Amino acid sequence: MRMSFGAHYTPKDKAGSPQSEGDDAHFICAEKNTIGMADGVDRWARFGIDAGKYARQLMSNVVTAVQKQQPPLNRIVDLRQALEEGFLNTKAMGSSTACIVTFKDYYLRAINVGNSGFMIFRNSKCVYKSRIQQHGFNYPYQLGNSMTRDKPCSAIVTTVERLLPGDITVLGTGGLLDNMFTAEIEDIISKGTLEGVNTEKLASTIALLALFNSMDKNVDSPFAQVARLAGLKHNGGKRDDITVIVGHVIALIEFSTVLICKENVLH
């Protein structure tokens, strides 16, 4: 499978602190067709803890685990093993969500803990959107070394079969999903791919609109809608770090036109 990847990251505190690394972390391991991101839980800042340190260390350890794997040619990267190994080797204080996606032949496999997630677009229309995991409103599942109850065994593992050349996968942290509706991303992909697919440009355009929405006090954002369902009042978007990775399927060894999804929760 031939893929092209592009990413964009905007820390929410970049304007006030140009040196800020933010709370999110991500990686692109092109040689293994594997991408991933973690969204550090910013509540740790109340205790003087850098919320992004855990996320960065976790993703660094996960990509190391991915690179060490040597699966047979007909086998896909073992995401459960990579996440478990990365989790066990991460010693920083804090916690984060995690979403890792790998591509092989004509299918995608993902492992997800928390409220980051991914969508698959075909002909500019969303044909699949992953589920998020939350204990309650604005309280996502999260991996960490203390004060958390979630482990890699809590993850949702998803396999989506029958990808096609031209399919686009968008992976995003909560800063994207809380501030943009699927239809808005469809519109960007439709307009942004008329002259070909530039994954870096698509990721940047999507992330910048999410940033704009996050600062708009009048927009009826996904976060505002979910808040209302929880009986709370929230106007506008949600200020947050925003990470977007875009993957574009260039060519496959074989394919069918029927999209098949299988999902299970690890135990």
C-alpha atoms as a PDB file:
ATOM      1  CA  MET A   1       0.000   0.000   0.000  1.00  0.00           C
ATOM      2  CA  ARG A   2       1.384   3.405  -0.978  1.00  0.00           C
ATOM      3  CA  MET A   3       0.393   6.282   1.319  1.00  0.00           C
ATOM      4  CA  SER A   4       1.066   9.980   1.660  1.00  0.00           C
ATOM      5  CA  PHE A   5       0.887  11.669   5.067  1.00  0.00           C
ATOM      6  CA  GLY A   6       0.781  15.254   6.288  1.00  0.00           C
ATOM      7  CA  ALA A   7       0.303  16.817   9.724  1.00  0.00           C
ATOM      8  CA  HIS A   8      -0.385  20.133  11.421  1.00  0.00           C
ATOM      9  CA  TYR A   9      -0.210  21.006  15.116  1.00  0.00           C
ATOM     10  CA  THR A  10      -1.344  24.227  16.800  1.00  0.00           C
ATOM     11  CA  PRO A  11      -0.838  24.529  20.591  1.00  0.00           C
ATOM     12  CA  LYS A  12      -3.590  26.639  22.144  1.00  0.00           C
ATOM     13  CA  ASP A  13      -1.076  28.733  24.119  1.00  0.00           C
ATOM     14  CA  LYS A  14       1.252  29.399  21.165  1.00  0.00           C
ATOM     15  CA  ALA A  15       0.323  33.083  20.933  1.00  0.00           C
ATOM     16  CA  GLY A  16       1.023  33.796  24.613  1.00  0.00           C
ATOM     17  CA  SER A  17       4.015  31.456  24.849  1.00  0.00           C
ATOM     18  CA  PRO A  18       5.838  31.024  21.518  1.00  0.00           C
ATOM     19  CA  GLN A  19       8.099  28.330  22.995  1.00  0.00           C
ATOM     20  CA  SER A  20       5.203  26.217  24.254  1.00  0.00           C
ATOM     21  CA  GLU A  21       5.243  22.619  23.097  1.00  0.00           C
ATOM     22  CA  GLY A  22       1.598  22.264  24.032  1.00  0.00           C
ATOM     23  CA  ASP A  23      -0.278  19.263  25.367  1.00  0.00           C
ATOM     24  CA  ASP A  24      -0.550  17.179  22.167  1.00  0.00           C
ATOM     25  CA  ALA A  25       2.011  14.884  20.564  1.00  0.00           C
ATOM     26  CA  HIS A  26       1.995  12.950  17.305  1.00  0.00           C
ATOM     27  CA  PHE A  27       4.141  10.842  14.994  1.00  0.00           C
ATOM     28  CA  ILE A  28       4.231   9.678  11.392  1.00  0.00           C
ATOM     29  CA  CYS A  29       6.140   6.442  10.784  1.00  0.00           C
ATOM     30  CA  ALA A  30       5.963   6.380   6.973  1.00  0.00           C
ATOM     31  CA  GLU A  31       8.020   3.210   6.540  1.00  0.00           C
ATOM     32  CA  LYS A  32       5.408   1.282   8.539  1.00  0.00           C
ATOM     33  CA  ASN A  33       2.408   3.273   7.233  1.00  0.00           C
ATOM     34  CA  THR A  34       1.573   4.048  10.851  1.00  0.00           C
ATOM     35  CA  ILE A  35       0.473   7.312  12.453  1.00  0.00           C
ATOM     36  CA  GLY A  36      -0.513   8.248  15.972  1.00  0.00           C
ATOM     37  CA  MET A  37      -1.360  11.042  18.368  1.00  0.00           C
ATOM     38  CA  ALA A  38      -1.884  11.681  22.057  1.00  0.00           C
ATOM     39  CA  ASP A  39      -3.799  14.502  23.747  1.00  0.00           C
ATOM     40  CA  GLY A  40      -2.338  15.396  27.130  1.00  0.00           C
ATOM     41  CA  VAL A  41      -4.959  16.106  29.790  1.00  0.00           C
ATOM     42  CA  ASP A  42      -4.488  19.760  30.734  1.00  0.00           C
ATOM     43  CA  ARG A  43      -5.975  19.405  34.221  1.00  0.00           C
ATOM     44  CA  TRP A  44      -2.494  18.308  35.320  1.00  0.00           C
ATOM     45  CA  ALA A  45      -1.349  21.923  34.984  1.00  0.00           C
ATOM     46  CA  ARG A  46      -3.255  22.667  38.194  1.00  0.00           C
ATOM     47  CA  PHE A  47      -0.653  20.540  40.010  1.00  0.00           C
ATOM     48  CA  GLY A  48       2.296  22.172  38.253  1.00  0.00           C
ATOM     49  CA  ILE A  49       2.744  19.241  35.885  1.00  0.00           C
ATOM     50  CA  ASP A  50       3.419  19.708  32.159  1.00  0.00           C
ATOM     51  CA  ALA A  51       0.375  18.034  30.635  1.00  0.00           C
ATOM     52  CA  GLY A  52       2.172  17.460  27.329  1.00  0.00           C
ATOM     53  CA  LYS A  53       5.222  15.677  28.730  1.00  0.00           C
ATOM     54  CA  TYR A  54       3.350  12.427  29.239  1.00  0.00           C
ATOM     55  CA  ALA A  55       1.833  12.631  25.737  1.00  0.00           C
ATOM     56  CA  ARG A  56       5.212  13.275  24.099  1.00  0.00           C
ATOM     57  CA  GLN A  57       6.928  10.485  25.983  1.00  0.00           C
ATOM     58  CA  LEU A  58       4.102   8.054  25.237  1.00  0.00           C
ATOM     59  CA  MET A  59       4.174   8.738  21.492  1.00  0.00           C
ATOM     60  CA  SER A  60       7.977   8.534  21.422  1.00  0.00           C
ATOM     61  CA  ASN A  61       7.827   5.132  23.101  1.00  0.00           C
ATOM     62  CA  VAL A  62       5.013   3.927  20.842  1.00  0.00           C
ATOM     63  CA  VAL A  63       6.846   4.848  17.625  1.00  0.00           C
ATOM     64  CA  THR A  64       9.982   3.112  18.971  1.00  0.00           C
ATOM     65  CA  ALA A  65       7.894  -0.009  19.579  1.00  0.00           C
ATOM     66  CA  VAL A  66       6.401   0.214  16.078  1.00  0.00           C
ATOM     67  CA  GLN A  67       9.820   0.563  14.460  1.00  0.00           C
ATOM     68  CA  LYS A  68      11.160  -2.451  16.370  1.00  0.00           C
ATOM     69  CA  GLN A  69       8.442  -4.735  15.076  1.00  0.00           C
ATOM     70  CA  GLN A  70       9.364  -6.953  12.144  1.00  0.00           C
ATOM     71  CA  PRO A  71       6.050  -8.532  11.089  1.00  0.00           C
ATOM     72  CA  PRO A  72       5.990 -10.921   8.122  1.00  0.00           C
ATOM     73  CA  LEU A  73       5.174  -9.304   4.791  1.00  0.00           C
ATOM     74  CA  ASN A  74       1.528 -10.382   5.020  1.00  0.00           C
ATOM     75  CA  ARG A  75       1.058  -9.169   8.612  1.00  0.00           C
ATOM     76  CA  ILE A  76       0.071  -5.754   9.889  1.00  0.00           C
ATOM     77  CA  VAL A  77       1.762  -3.778  12.688  1.00  0.00           C
ATOM     78  CA  ASP A  78       0.597  -5.066  16.088  1.00  0.00           C
ATOM     79  CA  LEU A  79      -0.949  -1.913  17.545  1.00  0.00           C
ATOM     80  CA  ARG A  80      -1.985  -3.514  20.809  1.00  0.00           C
ATOM     81  CA  GLN A  81       1.601  -4.571  21.468  1.00  0.00           C
ATOM     82  CA  ALA A  82       2.961  -1.163  20.469  1.00  0.00           C
ATOM     83  CA  LEU A  83       0.541   0.711  22.736  1.00  0.00           C
ATOM     84  CA  GLU A  84       1.136  -1.650  25.656  1.00  0.00           C
ATOM     85  CA  GLU A  85       4.904  -1.362  25.292  1.00  0.00           C
ATOM     86  CA  GLY A  86       4.745   2.401  24.934  1.00  0.00           C
ATOM     87  CA  PHE A  87       2.487   2.680  27.988  1.00  0.00           C
ATOM     88  CA  LEU A  88       4.742   0.525  30.179  1.00  0.00           C
ATOM     89  CA  ASN A  89       7.846   2.498  29.202  1.00  0.00           C
ATOM     90  CA  THR A  90       6.286   5.914  29.858  1.00  0.00           C
ATOM     91  CA  LYS A  91       7.270   7.140  33.318  1.00  0.00           C
ATOM     92  CA  ALA A  92       6.364  10.834  33.113  1.00  0.00           C
ATOM     93  CA  MET A  93       3.645  12.157  35.366  1.00  0.00           C
ATOM     94  CA  GLY A  94       0.365  13.028  33.695  1.00  0.00           C
ATOM     95  CA  SER A  95      -2.071  11.303  31.383  1.00  0.00           C
ATOM     96  CA  SER A  96      -3.310  11.445  27.805  1.00  0.00           C
ATOM     97  CA  THR A  97      -5.620   9.941  25.260  1.00  0.00           C
ATOM     98  CA  ALA A  98      -4.086   7.877  22.449  1.00  0.00           C
ATOM     99  CA  CYS A  99      -5.075   7.006  18.900  1.00  0.00           C
ATOM    100  CA  ILE A 100      -2.853   4.959  16.569  1.00  0.00           C
ATOM    101  CA  VAL A 101      -3.701   3.947  13.015  1.00  0.00           C
ATOM    102  CA  THR A 102      -1.840   1.644  10.634  1.00  0.00           C
ATOM    103  CA  PHE A 103      -2.488   0.762   6.997  1.00  0.00           C
ATOM    104  CA  LYS A 104      -1.743  -2.504   5.196  1.00  0.00           C
ATOM    105  CA  ASP A 105      -2.810  -3.666   1.720  1.00  0.00           C
ATOM    106  CA  TYR A 106      -6.495  -2.724   1.453  1.00  0.00           C
ATOM    107  CA  TYR A 107      -7.366  -2.162   5.132  1.00  0.00           C
ATOM    108  CA  LEU A 108      -6.830   0.073   8.141  1.00  0.00           C
ATOM    109  CA  ARG A 109      -6.486  -0.917  11.776  1.00  0.00           C
ATOM    110  CA  ALA A 110      -6.772   1.504  14.672  1.00  0.00           C
ATOM    111  CA  ILE A 111      -6.488   1.418  18.441  1.00  0.00           C
ATOM    112  CA  ASN A 112      -8.048   4.261  20.408  1.00  0.00           C
ATOM    113  CA  VAL A 113      -8.296   5.308  24.043  1.00  0.00           C
ATOM    114  CA  GLY A 114     -10.298   8.452  24.766  1.00  0.00           C
ATOM    115  CA  ASN A 115     -11.686  11.260  22.643  1.00  0.00           C
ATOM    116  CA  SER A 116      -9.178  11.490  19.822  1.00  0.00           C
ATOM    117  CA  GLY A 117     -10.312   9.672  16.694  1.00  0.00           C
ATOM    118  CA  PHE A 118     -10.310   9.298  12.940  1.00  0.00           C
ATOM    119  CA  MET A 119     -12.589   9.567   9.920  1.00  0.00           C
ATOM    120  CA  ILE A 120     -12.387   8.033   6.449  1.00  0.00           C
ATOM    121  CA  PHE A 121     -13.494  10.069   3.444  1.00  0.00           C
ATOM    122  CA  ARG A 122     -14.285   8.715  -0.017  1.00  0.00           C
ATOM    123  CA  ASN A 123     -15.122  11.131  -2.827  1.00  0.00           C
ATOM    124  CA  SER A 124     -15.138  13.894  -0.188  1.00  0.00           C
ATOM    125  CA  LYS A 125     -17.865  12.155   1.864  1.00  0.00           C
ATOM    126  CA  CYS A 126     -17.325  10.633   5.304  1.00  0.00           C
ATOM    127  CA  VAL A 127     -17.869   6.871   5.107  1.00  0.00           C
ATOM    128  CA  TYR A 128     -16.634   6.005   8.596  1.00  0.00           C
ATOM    129  CA  LYS A 129     -16.111   7.859  11.895  1.00  0.00           C
ATOM    130  CA  SER A 130     -14.564   6.196  14.939  1.00  0.00           C
ATOM    131  CA  ARG A 131     -16.214   6.103  18.334  1.00  0.00           C
ATOM    132  CA  ILE A 132     -14.811   8.075  21.257  1.00  0.00           C
ATOM    133  CA  GLN A 133     -14.606   6.900  24.870  1.00  0.00           C
ATOM    134  CA  GLN A 134     -15.708   9.112  27.736  1.00  0.00           C
ATOM    135  CA  HIS A 135     -16.609   8.388  31.354  1.00  0.00           C
ATOM    136  CA  GLY A 136     -18.761  11.513  31.278  1.00  0.00           C
ATOM    137  CA  PHE A 137     -18.970  14.943  29.715  1.00  0.00           C
ATOM    138  CA  ASN A 138     -15.474  16.291  28.992  1.00  0.00           C
ATOM    139  CA  TYR A 139     -13.947  13.333  30.859  1.00  0.00           C
ATOM    140  CA  PRO A 140     -12.290  11.064  28.280  1.00  0.00           C
ATOM    141  CA  TYR A 141     -10.664   7.729  28.882  1.00  0.00           C
ATOM    142  CA  GLN A 142      -6.949   8.343  29.400  1.00  0.00           C
ATOM    143  CA  LEU A 143      -3.707   6.484  29.941  1.00  0.00           C
ATOM    144  CA  GLY A 144      -1.418   7.542  32.780  1.00  0.00           C
ATOM    145  CA  ASN A 145       0.670   6.535  35.771  1.00  0.00           C
ATOM    146  CA  SER A 146      -1.594   7.836  38.527  1.00  0.00           C
ATOM    147  CA  MET A 147      -5.078   9.182  39.189  1.00  0.00           C
ATOM    148  CA  THR A 148      -6.440   7.337  36.144  1.00  0.00           C
ATOM    149  CA  ARG A 149      -8.327   4.084  35.878  1.00  0.00           C
ATOM    150  CA  ASP A 150      -7.793   3.351  32.211  1.00  0.00           C
ATOM    151  CA  LYS A 151      -5.196   1.039  30.685  1.00  0.00           C
ATOM    152  CA  PRO A 152      -4.410  -0.132  27.142  1.00  0.00           C
ATOM    153  CA  CYS A 153      -6.842  -2.996  27.742  1.00  0.00           C
ATOM    154  CA  SER A 154      -9.629  -0.365  27.712  1.00  0.00           C
ATOM    155  CA  ALA A 155      -8.869   0.515  24.097  1.00  0.00           C
ATOM    156  CA  ILE A 156     -11.229   0.102  21.166  1.00  0.00           C
ATOM    157  CA  VAL A 157      -9.606  -1.756  18.280  1.00  0.00           C
ATOM    158  CA  THR A 158     -11.155  -1.153  14.861  1.00  0.00           C
ATOM    159  CA  THR A 159     -10.464  -2.797  11.512  1.00  0.00           C
ATOM    160  CA  VAL A 160     -11.817  -1.137   8.381  1.00  0.00           C
ATOM    161  CA  GLU A 161     -11.494  -3.187   5.210  1.00  0.00           C
ATOM    162  CA  ARG A 162     -11.834  -2.366   1.522  1.00  0.00           C
ATOM    163  CA  LEU A 163     -10.006   0.954   1.345  1.00  0.00           C
ATOM    164  CA  LEU A 164      -9.692   2.402  -2.158  1.00  0.00           C
ATOM    165  CA  PRO A 165      -7.087   4.537  -3.921  1.00  0.00           C
ATOM    166  CA  GLY A 166      -8.069   8.154  -3.265  1.00  0.00           C
ATOM    167  CA  ASP A 167      -9.515   7.490   0.200  1.00  0.00           C
ATOM    168  CA  ILE A 168      -8.482  10.086   2.766  1.00  0.00           C
ATOM    169  CA  THR A 169      -8.137   9.433   6.493  1.00  0.00           C
ATOM    170  CA  VAL A 170      -8.234  12.354   8.944  1.00  0.00           C
ATOM    171  CA  LEU A 171      -6.909  11.705  12.446  1.00  0.00           C
ATOM    172  CA  GLY A 172      -7.541  14.364  15.084  1.00  0.00           C
ATOM    173  CA  THR A 173      -7.298  15.127  18.779  1.00  0.00           C
ATOM    174  CA  GLY A 174     -10.163  16.554  20.802  1.00  0.00           C
ATOM    175  CA  GLY A 175      -9.265  20.057  19.644  1.00  0.00           C
ATOM    176  CA  LEU A 176     -10.387  19.077  16.145  1.00  0.00           C
ATOM    177  CA  LEU A 177     -13.392  16.914  16.988  1.00  0.00           C
ATOM    178  CA  ASP A 178     -14.797  19.354  19.569  1.00  0.00           C
ATOM    179  CA  ASN A 179     -14.669  22.262  17.125  1.00  0.00           C
ATOM    180  CA  MET A 180     -15.519  20.908  13.679  1.00  0.00           C
ATOM    181  CA  PHE A 181     -18.437  18.960  12.296  1.00  0.00           C
ATOM    182  CA  THR A 182     -17.877  16.223   9.755  1.00  0.00           C
ATOM    183  CA  ALA A 183     -19.629  18.305   7.075  1.00  0.00           C
ATOM    184  CA  GLU A 184     -17.069  21.092   7.516  1.00  0.00           C
ATOM    185  CA  ILE A 185     -14.214  18.662   6.909  1.00  0.00           C
ATOM    186  CA  GLU A 186     -16.037  17.236   3.891  1.00  0.00           C
ATOM    187  CA  ASP A 187     -16.267  20.738   2.447  1.00  0.00           C
ATOM    188  CA  ILE A 188     -12.542  21.373   2.934  1.00  0.00           C
ATOM    189  CA  ILE A 189     -11.620  18.058   1.302  1.00  0.00           C
ATOM    190  CA  SER A 190     -13.998  18.675  -1.604  1.00  0.00           C
ATOM    191  CA  LYS A 191     -12.558  22.130  -2.338  1.00  0.00           C
ATOM    192  CA  GLY A 192      -8.978  21.275  -1.417  1.00  0.00           C
ATOM    193  CA  THR A 193      -8.542  18.254  -3.683  1.00  0.00           C
ATOM    194  CA  LEU A 194      -9.805  19.672  -6.992  1.00  0.00           C
ATOM    195  CA  GLU A 195      -6.232  19.882  -8.303  1.00  0.00           C
ATOM    196  CA  GLY A 196      -4.824  16.887  -6.443  1.00  0.00           C
ATOM    197  CA  VAL A 197      -4.231  15.872  -2.843  1.00  0.00           C
ATOM    198  CA  ASN A 198      -1.631  17.703  -0.769  1.00  0.00           C
ATOM    199  CA  THR A 199      -1.831  16.075   2.667  1.00  0.00           C
ATOM    200  CA  GLU A 200       0.204  18.785   4.431  1.00  0.00           C
ATOM    201  CA  LYS A 201      -2.005  21.523   3.034  1.00  0.00           C
ATOM    202  CA  LEU A 202      -5.210  19.636   3.874  1.00  0.00           C
ATOM    203  CA  ALA A 203      -4.064  19.030   7.457  1.00  0.00           C
ATOM    204  CA  SER A 204      -3.171  22.710   7.844  1.00  0.00           C
ATOM    205  CA  THR A 205      -6.463  23.957   6.383  1.00  0.00           C
ATOM    206  CA  ILE A 206      -8.526  21.650   8.599  1.00  0.00           C
ATOM    207  CA  ALA A 207      -6.541  22.549  11.734  1.00  0.00           C
ATOM    208  CA  LEU A 208      -6.737  26.293  11.097  1.00  0.00           C
ATOM    209  CA  LEU A 209     -10.524  26.223  10.680  1.00  0.00           C
ATOM    210  CA  ALA A 210     -10.772  24.227  13.916  1.00  0.00           C
ATOM    211  CA  LEU A 211      -8.607  26.896  15.575  1.00  0.00           C
ATOM    212  CA  PHE A 212     -10.859  29.655  14.222  1.00  0.00           C
ATOM    213  CA  ASN A 213     -13.969  27.845  15.506  1.00  0.00           C
ATOM    214  CA  SER A 214     -12.356  27.254  18.898  1.00  0.00           C
ATOM    215  CA  MET A 215     -11.994  31.023  19.410  1.00  0.00           C
ATOM    216  CA  ASP A 216     -15.443  31.909  18.062  1.00  0.00           C
ATOM    217  CA  LYS A 217     -17.729  32.635  21.012  1.00  0.00           C
ATOM    218  CA  ASN A 218     -20.859  32.428  18.873  1.00  0.00           C
ATOM    219  CA  VAL A 219     -20.325  29.257  16.824  1.00  0.00           C
ATOM    220  CA  ASP A 220     -22.575  26.306  17.689  1.00  0.00           C
ATOM    221  CA  SER A 221     -19.712  23.835  17.974  1.00  0.00           C
ATOM    222  CA  PRO A 222     -19.885  20.066  18.530  1.00  0.00           C
ATOM    223  CA  PHE A 223     -18.599  20.719  22.066  1.00  0.00           C
ATOM    224  CA  ALA A 224     -21.405  23.230  22.716  1.00  0.00           C
ATOM    225  CA  GLN A 225     -24.011  20.754  21.490  1.00  0.00           C
ATOM    226  CA  VAL A 226     -22.681  17.955  23.695  1.00  0.00           C
ATOM    227  CA  ALA A 227     -22.586  20.354  26.656  1.00  0.00           C
ATOM    228  CA  ARG A 228     -26.285  21.091  26.181  1.00  0.00           C
ATOM    229  CA  LEU A 229     -27.044  17.367  26.140  1.00  0.00           C
ATOM    230  CA  ALA A 230     -25.251  17.156  29.491  1.00  0.00           C
ATOM    231  CA  GLY A 231     -27.433  19.955  30.854  1.00  0.00           C
ATOM    232  CA  LEU A 232     -24.659  22.551  30.765  1.00  0.00           C
ATOM    233  CA  LYS A 233     -24.418  25.913  29.056  1.00  0.00           C
ATOM    234  CA  HIS A 234     -21.451  26.557  26.799  1.00  0.00           C
ATOM    235  CA  ASN A 235     -21.295  29.113  24.017  1.00  0.00           C
ATOM    236  CA  GLY A 236     -18.873  28.884  21.128  1.00  0.00           C
ATOM    237  CA  GLY A 237     -15.968  26.582  20.493  1.00  0.00           C
ATOM    238  CA  LYS A 238     -13.529  25.012  22.926  1.00  0.00           C
ATOM    239  CA  ARG A 239      -9.996  26.365  23.262  1.00  0.00           C
ATOM    240  CA  ASP A 240      -7.642  23.420  22.975  1.00  0.00           C
ATOM    241  CA  ASP A 241      -4.501  22.147  21.309  1.00  0.00           C
ATOM    242  CA  ILE A 242      -5.295  20.943  17.799  1.00  0.00           C
ATOM    243  CA  THR A 243      -3.503  18.125  15.996  1.00  0.00           C
ATOM    244  CA  VAL A 244      -4.518  16.843  12.561  1.00  0.00           C
ATOM    245  CA  ILE A 245      -2.886  14.082  10.511  1.00  0.00           C
ATOM    246  CA  VAL A 246      -4.115  13.392   6.983  1.00  0.00           C
ATOM    247  CA  GLY A 247      -3.393  10.113   5.199  1.00  0.00           C
ATOM    248  CA  HIS A 248      -4.049   9.614   1.485  1.00  0.00           C
ATOM    249  CA  VAL A 249      -4.252   6.182  -0.142  1.00  0.00           C
ATOM    250  CA  ILE A 250      -2.249   6.437  -3.373  1.00  0.00           C
ATOM    251  CA  ALA A 251      -2.274   2.800  -4.517  1.00  0.00           C
ATOM    252  CA  LEU A 252      -3.271  -0.665  -3.301  1.00  0.00           C
ATOM    253  CA  ILE A 253      -2.212  -4.163  -4.185  1.00  0.00           C
ATOM    254  CA  GLU A 254      -5.836  -5.260  -4.422  1.00  0.00           C
ATOM    255  CA  PHE A 255      -9.166  -3.789  -3.494  1.00  0.00           C
ATOM    256  CA  SER A 256     -12.928  -4.151  -3.429  1.00  0.00           C
ATOM    257  CA  THR A 257     -15.503  -1.350  -3.329  1.00  0.00           C
ATOM    258  CA  VAL A 258     -17.378  -2.512  -0.209  1.00  0.00           C
ATOM    259  CA  LEU A 259     -16.256  -0.900   3.055  1.00  0.00           C
ATOM    260  CA  ILE A 260     -16.355  -3.330   5.999  1.00  0.00           C
ATOM    261  CA  CYS A 261     -15.790  -2.305   9.632  1.00  0.00           C
ATOM    262  CA  LYS A 262     -15.085  -4.579  12.598  1.00  0.00           C
ATOM    263  CA  GLU A 263     -14.771  -3.165  16.095  1.00  0.00           C
ATOM    264  CA  ASN A 264     -14.029  -4.636  19.477  1.00  0.00           C
ATOM    265  CA  VAL A 265     -12.942  -3.527  22.937  1.00  0.00           C
ATOM    266  CA  LEU A 266      -9.843  -5.168  24.333  1.00  0.00           C
ATOM    267  CA  HIS A 267      -9.979  -6.937  27.676  1.00  0.00           C
END
